[in-house]
């Protein structure tokens, strides 16, 4: 059964593995960034990340690593930066979870409809993210319903963060499927590298922060989920999981 009680199709076909931040949800600019700044303020630190500065920092995957790298650039020693990053990241995570629970982190336009469509087609859905389970799990349940995703693997379980492919390999192992049976959906070059490193084909749906990155190797890249070509491609994957191949340029 689907989370709303309606029946799923009887025969599962294919696997689609989604990233979360910037892919399923609009979470970076007006979500994580705001929580980071609040954590800095609560700790009495003078740092604030502008929209542009945060976009540059997003090349560093993982919030704790992002803070530590930033602090080192401000002159902190590596050990001091790492210790302070632990404290700040814990506070930031709690603040971001509160934003999730308040409904302040929305799905990207077109995503809820796409998820419902894939479920109706019998596709197995999963998540591979570097985010922390503490906020990922309540976010997915709030937006898409409990049980929507057959497997959810986060940075809490897999400390090697993207572009390392470990999180995708863990999802495949848990599902018991080969890379050829699965398709990844990402928003960034780091995510694409992780998916390709695990042997998955990858569709990229960009956002304001990632548009313009190099997506060489992607099956396709689109600007948003409302592009009918994106949903059509994923529907074809549902019907013929191993048949999709890259053709021509990635756009």
C-alpha atoms as a PDB file:
ATOM      1  CA  UNK A   1       0.000   0.000   0.000  1.00  0.00           C
ATOM      2  CA  UNK A   2       1.060   3.615  -0.547  1.00  0.00           C
ATOM      3  CA  UNK A   3       1.265   5.871   2.539  1.00  0.00           C
ATOM      4  CA  UNK A   4      -2.181   7.307   1.746  1.00  0.00           C
ATOM      5  CA  UNK A   5      -3.705   3.801   1.791  1.00  0.00           C
ATOM      6  CA  UNK A   6      -4.149   3.412  -1.950  1.00  0.00           C
ATOM      7  CA  UNK A   7      -2.744   0.309  -3.652  1.00  0.00           C
ATOM      8  CA  UNK A   8       0.598   0.197  -5.402  1.00  0.00           C
ATOM      9  CA  UNK A   9       1.074  -1.640  -8.646  1.00  0.00           C
ATOM     10  CA  UNK A  10       1.699  -5.310  -8.003  1.00  0.00           C
ATOM     11  CA  UNK A  11       5.044  -5.688  -9.777  1.00  0.00           C
ATOM     12  CA  UNK A  12       7.943  -3.462  -8.701  1.00  0.00           C
ATOM     13  CA  UNK A  13      10.031  -2.209 -11.596  1.00  0.00           C
ATOM     14  CA  UNK A  14      13.370  -0.488 -11.326  1.00  0.00           C
ATOM     15  CA  UNK A  15      14.944   1.486  -8.493  1.00  0.00           C
ATOM     16  CA  UNK A  16      15.321   5.250  -8.259  1.00  0.00           C
ATOM     17  CA  UNK A  17      17.682   6.598  -5.593  1.00  0.00           C
ATOM     18  CA  UNK A  18      17.284  10.247  -4.642  1.00  0.00           C
ATOM     19  CA  UNK A  19      19.631  12.690  -3.001  1.00  0.00           C
ATOM     20  CA  UNK A  20      17.885  14.988  -0.491  1.00  0.00           C
ATOM     21  CA  UNK A  21      19.448  18.450  -0.042  1.00  0.00           C
ATOM     22  CA  UNK A  22      18.861  20.529  -3.139  1.00  0.00           C
ATOM     23  CA  UNK A  23      17.277  17.560  -4.943  1.00  0.00           C
ATOM     24  CA  UNK A  24      14.086  16.487  -3.176  1.00  0.00           C
ATOM     25  CA  UNK A  25      13.878  19.664  -1.117  1.00  0.00           C
ATOM     26  CA  UNK A  26      14.719  23.371  -1.259  1.00  0.00           C
ATOM     27  CA  UNK A  27      16.882  23.226   1.831  1.00  0.00           C
ATOM     28  CA  UNK A  28      20.174  25.007   1.341  1.00  0.00           C
ATOM     29  CA  UNK A  29      19.824  28.784   0.932  1.00  0.00           C
ATOM     30  CA  UNK A  30      16.858  29.382   3.256  1.00  0.00           C
ATOM     31  CA  UNK A  31      17.242  26.253   5.392  1.00  0.00           C
ATOM     32  CA  UNK A  32      20.687  25.012   6.321  1.00  0.00           C
ATOM     33  CA  UNK A  33      22.297  28.430   5.798  1.00  0.00           C
ATOM     34  CA  UNK A  34      19.871  30.062   8.222  1.00  0.00           C
ATOM     35  CA  UNK A  35      20.457  27.327  10.811  1.00  0.00           C
ATOM     36  CA  UNK A  36      24.235  27.652  10.489  1.00  0.00           C
ATOM     37  CA  UNK A  37      24.036  31.416  11.047  1.00  0.00           C
ATOM     38  CA  UNK A  38      21.804  30.937  14.095  1.00  0.00           C
ATOM     39  CA  UNK A  39      24.293  28.474  15.556  1.00  0.00           C
ATOM     40  CA  UNK A  40      27.127  30.967  15.015  1.00  0.00           C
ATOM     41  CA  UNK A  41      25.109  33.695  16.732  1.00  0.00           C
ATOM     42  CA  UNK A  42      24.178  31.470  19.693  1.00  0.00           C
ATOM     43  CA  UNK A  43      27.856  30.670  20.213  1.00  0.00           C
ATOM     44  CA  UNK A  44      28.765  34.361  20.199  1.00  0.00           C
ATOM     45  CA  UNK A  45      30.695  34.083  16.948  1.00  0.00           C
ATOM     46  CA  UNK A  46      30.642  36.948  14.429  1.00  0.00           C
ATOM     47  CA  UNK A  47      30.326  34.818  11.309  1.00  0.00           C
ATOM     48  CA  UNK A  48      27.349  34.984   8.952  1.00  0.00           C
ATOM     49  CA  UNK A  49      27.157  33.270   5.569  1.00  0.00           C
ATOM     50  CA  UNK A  50      25.698  35.296   2.731  1.00  0.00           C
ATOM     51  CA  UNK A  51      23.767  33.541  -0.018  1.00  0.00           C
ATOM     52  CA  UNK A  52      26.759  33.827  -2.328  1.00  0.00           C
ATOM     53  CA  UNK A  53      29.340  32.743   0.274  1.00  0.00           C
ATOM     54  CA  UNK A  54      27.268  29.723   1.226  1.00  0.00           C
ATOM     55  CA  UNK A  55      27.016  28.705  -2.405  1.00  0.00           C
ATOM     56  CA  UNK A  56      30.809  28.575  -2.573  1.00  0.00           C
ATOM     57  CA  UNK A  57      30.975  26.559   0.653  1.00  0.00           C
ATOM     58  CA  UNK A  58      28.601  23.933  -0.755  1.00  0.00           C
ATOM     59  CA  UNK A  59      31.498  22.417  -2.669  1.00  0.00           C
ATOM     60  CA  UNK A  60      32.497  21.035   0.766  1.00  0.00           C
ATOM     61  CA  UNK A  61      30.130  18.155   1.522  1.00  0.00           C
ATOM     62  CA  UNK A  62      28.875  17.571   5.054  1.00  0.00           C
ATOM     63  CA  UNK A  63      27.898  20.320   7.467  1.00  0.00           C
ATOM     64  CA  UNK A  64      30.487  19.497  10.116  1.00  0.00           C
ATOM     65  CA  UNK A  65      33.264  19.408   7.535  1.00  0.00           C
ATOM     66  CA  UNK A  66      31.969  22.665   6.023  1.00  0.00           C
ATOM     67  CA  UNK A  67      32.163  24.451   9.382  1.00  0.00           C
ATOM     68  CA  UNK A  68      35.590  23.054  10.224  1.00  0.00           C
ATOM     69  CA  UNK A  69      37.034  24.069   6.866  1.00  0.00           C
ATOM     70  CA  UNK A  70      35.555  27.546   7.208  1.00  0.00           C
ATOM     71  CA  UNK A  71      36.969  27.962  10.724  1.00  0.00           C
ATOM     72  CA  UNK A  72      40.414  26.900   9.589  1.00  0.00           C
ATOM     73  CA  UNK A  73      40.212  29.594   6.920  1.00  0.00           C
ATOM     74  CA  UNK A  74      39.518  32.083   9.715  1.00  0.00           C
ATOM     75  CA  UNK A  75      42.773  31.115  11.418  1.00  0.00           C
ATOM     76  CA  UNK A  76      41.707  28.353  13.825  1.00  0.00           C
ATOM     77  CA  UNK A  77      44.039  25.403  14.252  1.00  0.00           C
ATOM     78  CA  UNK A  78      42.747  22.130  12.828  1.00  0.00           C
ATOM     79  CA  UNK A  79      42.064  20.518  16.227  1.00  0.00           C
ATOM     80  CA  UNK A  80      40.338  23.621  17.587  1.00  0.00           C
ATOM     81  CA  UNK A  81      38.304  23.984  14.405  1.00  0.00           C
ATOM     82  CA  UNK A  82      37.223  20.336  14.536  1.00  0.00           C
ATOM     83  CA  UNK A  83      36.143  20.561  18.177  1.00  0.00           C
ATOM     84  CA  UNK A  84      34.207  23.775  17.659  1.00  0.00           C
ATOM     85  CA  UNK A  85      32.645  22.381  14.474  1.00  0.00           C
ATOM     86  CA  UNK A  86      31.280  19.431  16.489  1.00  0.00           C
ATOM     87  CA  UNK A  87      29.514  21.801  18.897  1.00  0.00           C
ATOM     88  CA  UNK A  88      28.230  24.141  16.209  1.00  0.00           C
ATOM     89  CA  UNK A  89      27.036  21.330  13.972  1.00  0.00           C
ATOM     90  CA  UNK A  90      25.050  19.699  16.790  1.00  0.00           C
ATOM     91  CA  UNK A  91      23.317  23.017  17.484  1.00  0.00           C
ATOM     92  CA  UNK A  92      22.746  23.673  13.788  1.00  0.00           C
ATOM     93  CA  UNK A  93      21.236  20.193  13.321  1.00  0.00           C
ATOM     94  CA  UNK A  94      18.783  20.743  16.173  1.00  0.00           C
ATOM     95  CA  UNK A  95      17.785  24.108  14.724  1.00  0.00           C
ATOM     96  CA  UNK A  96      17.323  22.677  11.245  1.00  0.00           C
ATOM     97  CA  UNK A  97      15.226  19.802  12.581  1.00  0.00           C
ATOM     98  CA  UNK A  98      12.990  22.380  14.272  1.00  0.00           C
ATOM     99  CA  UNK A  99      12.600  24.114  10.892  1.00  0.00           C
ATOM    100  CA  UNK A 100      11.615  20.754   9.372  1.00  0.00           C
ATOM    101  CA  UNK A 101       9.036  20.143  12.086  1.00  0.00           C
ATOM    102  CA  UNK A 102       7.618  23.640  11.547  1.00  0.00           C
ATOM    103  CA  UNK A 103       7.123  22.914   7.842  1.00  0.00           C
ATOM    104  CA  UNK A 104       9.722  25.473   6.740  1.00  0.00           C
ATOM    105  CA  UNK A 105      11.623  23.102   4.421  1.00  0.00           C
ATOM    106  CA  UNK A 106       9.491  22.478   1.308  1.00  0.00           C
ATOM    107  CA  UNK A 107       9.736  19.877  -1.402  1.00  0.00           C
ATOM    108  CA  UNK A 108      10.937  21.213  -4.719  1.00  0.00           C
ATOM    109  CA  UNK A 109       8.110  22.003  -7.149  1.00  0.00           C
ATOM    110  CA  UNK A 110       7.049  18.906  -9.032  1.00  0.00           C
ATOM    111  CA  UNK A 111       8.689  16.442  -6.636  1.00  0.00           C
ATOM    112  CA  UNK A 112       5.579  15.234  -4.728  1.00  0.00           C
ATOM    113  CA  UNK A 113       3.798  14.575  -8.014  1.00  0.00           C
ATOM    114  CA  UNK A 114       6.828  12.729  -9.413  1.00  0.00           C
ATOM    115  CA  UNK A 115       7.156  10.570  -6.296  1.00  0.00           C
ATOM    116  CA  UNK A 116       3.479   9.614  -6.486  1.00  0.00           C
ATOM    117  CA  UNK A 117       3.806   8.833 -10.192  1.00  0.00           C
ATOM    118  CA  UNK A 118       6.837   6.581  -9.654  1.00  0.00           C
ATOM    119  CA  UNK A 119       5.115   4.768  -6.814  1.00  0.00           C
ATOM    120  CA  UNK A 120       2.081   4.162  -9.022  1.00  0.00           C
ATOM    121  CA  UNK A 121       4.441   2.701 -11.629  1.00  0.00           C
ATOM    122  CA  UNK A 122       5.774   0.258  -9.051  1.00  0.00           C
ATOM    123  CA  UNK A 123       9.240   1.812  -8.805  1.00  0.00           C
ATOM    124  CA  UNK A 124      11.258   1.101  -5.662  1.00  0.00           C
ATOM    125  CA  UNK A 125      12.343   4.422  -4.166  1.00  0.00           C
ATOM    126  CA  UNK A 126      15.383   4.979  -1.970  1.00  0.00           C
ATOM    127  CA  UNK A 127      17.490   7.806  -0.560  1.00  0.00           C
ATOM    128  CA  UNK A 128      21.258   8.275  -0.469  1.00  0.00           C
ATOM    129  CA  UNK A 129      22.269  11.456   1.347  1.00  0.00           C
ATOM    130  CA  UNK A 130      25.153  12.921   3.307  1.00  0.00           C
ATOM    131  CA  UNK A 131      22.614  14.611   5.602  1.00  0.00           C
ATOM    132  CA  UNK A 132      22.113  13.576   9.225  1.00  0.00           C
ATOM    133  CA  UNK A 133      19.379  11.038  10.021  1.00  0.00           C
ATOM    134  CA  UNK A 134      18.191  13.240  12.882  1.00  0.00           C
ATOM    135  CA  UNK A 135      16.586  15.620  10.378  1.00  0.00           C
ATOM    136  CA  UNK A 136      16.438  13.527   7.187  1.00  0.00           C
ATOM    137  CA  UNK A 137      13.977  10.979   8.574  1.00  0.00           C
ATOM    138  CA  UNK A 138      11.376  13.462   9.904  1.00  0.00           C
ATOM    139  CA  UNK A 139      11.702  15.533   6.739  1.00  0.00           C
ATOM    140  CA  UNK A 140      10.969  12.600   4.433  1.00  0.00           C
ATOM    141  CA  UNK A 141       8.068  11.425   6.584  1.00  0.00           C
ATOM    142  CA  UNK A 142       6.546  14.896   6.761  1.00  0.00           C
ATOM    143  CA  UNK A 143       6.754  15.574   3.030  1.00  0.00           C
ATOM    144  CA  UNK A 144       6.235  12.141   1.499  1.00  0.00           C
ATOM    145  CA  UNK A 145       4.810   9.863   4.185  1.00  0.00           C
ATOM    146  CA  UNK A 146       6.297   7.013   6.195  1.00  0.00           C
ATOM    147  CA  UNK A 147       7.295   4.009   4.116  1.00  0.00           C
ATOM    148  CA  UNK A 148       7.641   5.857   0.826  1.00  0.00           C
ATOM    149  CA  UNK A 149      11.344   5.016   0.579  1.00  0.00           C
ATOM    150  CA  UNK A 150      12.382   1.374   0.826  1.00  0.00           C
ATOM    151  CA  UNK A 151      15.834   2.364   2.112  1.00  0.00           C
ATOM    152  CA  UNK A 152      17.174   5.617   3.518  1.00  0.00           C
ATOM    153  CA  UNK A 153      20.938   5.793   4.002  1.00  0.00           C
ATOM    154  CA  UNK A 154      22.404   8.953   5.519  1.00  0.00           C
ATOM    155  CA  UNK A 155      25.704  10.437   6.566  1.00  0.00           C
ATOM    156  CA  UNK A 156      24.993   9.142  10.061  1.00  0.00           C
ATOM    157  CA  UNK A 157      25.479   5.553   8.867  1.00  0.00           C
ATOM    158  CA  UNK A 158      28.063   6.217   6.139  1.00  0.00           C
ATOM    159  CA  UNK A 159      30.691   8.727   7.306  1.00  0.00           C
ATOM    160  CA  UNK A 160      32.471   8.799   3.921  1.00  0.00           C
ATOM    161  CA  UNK A 161      30.640  11.702   2.316  1.00  0.00           C
ATOM    162  CA  UNK A 162      29.961  12.442  -1.339  1.00  0.00           C
ATOM    163  CA  UNK A 163      31.703  12.579  -3.806  1.00  0.00           C
ATOM    164  CA  UNK A 164      32.761   9.273  -2.215  1.00  0.00           C
ATOM    165  CA  UNK A 165      30.379   6.605  -3.624  1.00  0.00           C
ATOM    166  CA  UNK A 166      29.993   4.656  -0.341  1.00  0.00           C
ATOM    167  CA  UNK A 167      26.459   5.840   0.429  1.00  0.00           C
ATOM    168  CA  UNK A 168      25.222   4.622  -2.968  1.00  0.00           C
ATOM    169  CA  UNK A 169      26.979   1.298  -2.572  1.00  0.00           C
ATOM    170  CA  UNK A 170      25.313   0.871   0.811  1.00  0.00           C
ATOM    171  CA  UNK A 171      21.868   1.544  -0.668  1.00  0.00           C
ATOM    172  CA  UNK A 172      22.434  -1.011  -3.440  1.00  0.00           C
ATOM    173  CA  UNK A 173      23.637  -3.600  -0.951  1.00  0.00           C
ATOM    174  CA  UNK A 174      20.637  -3.100   1.322  1.00  0.00           C
ATOM    175  CA  UNK A 175      18.221  -3.356  -1.597  1.00  0.00           C
ATOM    176  CA  UNK A 176      20.028  -6.335  -3.100  1.00  0.00           C
ATOM    177  CA  UNK A 177      20.131  -4.827  -6.586  1.00  0.00           C
ATOM    178  CA  UNK A 178      22.888  -4.215  -9.107  1.00  0.00           C
ATOM    179  CA  UNK A 179      23.915  -0.718 -10.254  1.00  0.00           C
ATOM    180  CA  UNK A 180      22.388  -1.482 -13.659  1.00  0.00           C
ATOM    181  CA  UNK A 181      18.935  -1.782 -12.066  1.00  0.00           C
ATOM    182  CA  UNK A 182      19.097   1.603 -10.326  1.00  0.00           C
ATOM    183  CA  UNK A 183      19.014   5.225 -11.403  1.00  0.00           C
ATOM    184  CA  UNK A 184      20.287   8.079  -9.208  1.00  0.00           C
ATOM    185  CA  UNK A 185      18.775  11.568  -9.095  1.00  0.00           C
ATOM    186  CA  UNK A 186      21.156  14.307  -7.950  1.00  0.00           C
ATOM    187  CA  UNK A 187      21.527  18.076  -8.090  1.00  0.00           C
ATOM    188  CA  UNK A 188      25.301  18.620  -7.974  1.00  0.00           C
ATOM    189  CA  UNK A 189      28.600  17.587  -9.513  1.00  0.00           C
ATOM    190  CA  UNK A 190      29.653  16.030  -6.182  1.00  0.00           C
ATOM    191  CA  UNK A 191      26.499  13.913  -6.123  1.00  0.00           C
ATOM    192  CA  UNK A 192      26.924  12.913  -9.750  1.00  0.00           C
ATOM    193  CA  UNK A 193      30.513  11.799  -9.061  1.00  0.00           C
ATOM    194  CA  UNK A 194      29.317   9.685  -6.119  1.00  0.00           C
ATOM    195  CA  UNK A 195      26.593   7.996  -8.172  1.00  0.00           C
ATOM    196  CA  UNK A 196      28.869   7.292 -11.116  1.00  0.00           C
ATOM    197  CA  UNK A 197      31.528   5.958  -8.755  1.00  0.00           C
ATOM    198  CA  UNK A 198      29.050   3.352  -7.535  1.00  0.00           C
ATOM    199  CA  UNK A 199      28.225   2.368 -11.116  1.00  0.00           C
ATOM    200  CA  UNK A 200      24.795   4.023 -11.304  1.00  0.00           C
ATOM    201  CA  UNK A 201      23.475   6.077 -14.149  1.00  0.00           C
ATOM    202  CA  UNK A 202      22.455   9.521 -12.920  1.00  0.00           C
ATOM    203  CA  UNK A 203      19.896  12.148 -13.862  1.00  0.00           C
ATOM    204  CA  UNK A 204      20.733  15.638 -12.588  1.00  0.00           C
ATOM    205  CA  UNK A 205      18.094  18.227 -11.714  1.00  0.00           C
ATOM    206  CA  UNK A 206      19.900  21.442 -10.913  1.00  0.00           C
ATOM    207  CA  UNK A 207      19.056  24.295  -8.568  1.00  0.00           C
ATOM    208  CA  UNK A 208      20.221  27.911  -8.281  1.00  0.00           C
ATOM    209  CA  UNK A 209      23.415  26.857  -6.506  1.00  0.00           C
ATOM    210  CA  UNK A 210      24.428  24.045  -8.847  1.00  0.00           C
ATOM    211  CA  UNK A 211      23.276  25.316 -12.228  1.00  0.00           C
ATOM    212  CA  UNK A 212      26.378  25.759 -14.368  1.00  0.00           C
ATOM    213  CA  UNK A 213      28.443  22.976 -12.784  1.00  0.00           C
ATOM    214  CA  UNK A 214      30.013  20.352 -15.031  1.00  0.00           C
ATOM    215  CA  UNK A 215      27.694  17.364 -15.336  1.00  0.00           C
ATOM    216  CA  UNK A 216      29.674  15.378 -17.861  1.00  0.00           C
ATOM    217  CA  UNK A 217      28.743  11.738 -17.428  1.00  0.00           C
ATOM    218  CA  UNK A 218      25.131  12.413 -16.442  1.00  0.00           C
ATOM    219  CA  UNK A 219      22.421  10.588 -18.339  1.00  0.00           C
ATOM    220  CA  UNK A 220      20.596  13.918 -18.607  1.00  0.00           C
ATOM    221  CA  UNK A 221      20.528  17.241 -16.738  1.00  0.00           C
ATOM    222  CA  UNK A 222      17.424  19.398 -16.297  1.00  0.00           C
ATOM    223  CA  UNK A 223      16.717  22.700 -14.574  1.00  0.00           C
ATOM    224  CA  UNK A 224      13.656  21.588 -12.608  1.00  0.00           C
ATOM    225  CA  UNK A 225      11.346  18.676 -11.914  1.00  0.00           C
ATOM    226  CA  UNK A 226       8.495  20.281 -13.812  1.00  0.00           C
ATOM    227  CA  UNK A 227      10.387  19.686 -17.039  1.00  0.00           C
ATOM    228  CA  UNK A 228       8.250  16.963 -18.684  1.00  0.00           C
ATOM    229  CA  UNK A 229      11.399  15.350 -20.101  1.00  0.00           C
ATOM    230  CA  UNK A 230      12.595  14.555 -16.585  1.00  0.00           C
ATOM    231  CA  UNK A 231       9.447  12.681 -15.545  1.00  0.00           C
ATOM    232  CA  UNK A 232       9.287  10.950 -18.944  1.00  0.00           C
ATOM    233  CA  UNK A 233      12.852   9.696 -18.535  1.00  0.00           C
ATOM    234  CA  UNK A 234      12.123   8.292 -15.090  1.00  0.00           C
ATOM    235  CA  UNK A 235       8.945   6.649 -16.386  1.00  0.00           C
ATOM    236  CA  UNK A 236      11.000   4.930 -19.079  1.00  0.00           C
ATOM    237  CA  UNK A 237      13.333   3.679 -16.384  1.00  0.00           C
ATOM    238  CA  UNK A 238      10.310   2.276 -14.550  1.00  0.00           C
ATOM    239  CA  UNK A 239       9.309   0.295 -17.606  1.00  0.00           C
ATOM    240  CA  UNK A 240      12.800  -0.835 -18.671  1.00  0.00           C
ATOM    241  CA  UNK A 241      15.254  -0.488 -15.754  1.00  0.00           C
ATOM    242  CA  UNK A 242      18.381  -1.530 -17.642  1.00  0.00           C
ATOM    243  CA  UNK A 243      17.602   0.010 -21.015  1.00  0.00           C
ATOM    244  CA  UNK A 244      18.443   3.688 -20.555  1.00  0.00           C
ATOM    245  CA  UNK A 245      21.700   4.876 -22.056  1.00  0.00           C
ATOM    246  CA  UNK A 246      23.252   8.288 -22.502  1.00  0.00           C
ATOM    247  CA  UNK A 247      22.720   9.823 -25.930  1.00  0.00           C
ATOM    248  CA  UNK A 248      24.450  12.991 -27.027  1.00  0.00           C
ATOM    249  CA  UNK A 249      25.075  15.958 -24.707  1.00  0.00           C
ATOM    250  CA  UNK A 250      23.823  15.765 -21.164  1.00  0.00           C
ATOM    251  CA  UNK A 251      21.183  18.438 -21.672  1.00  0.00           C
END
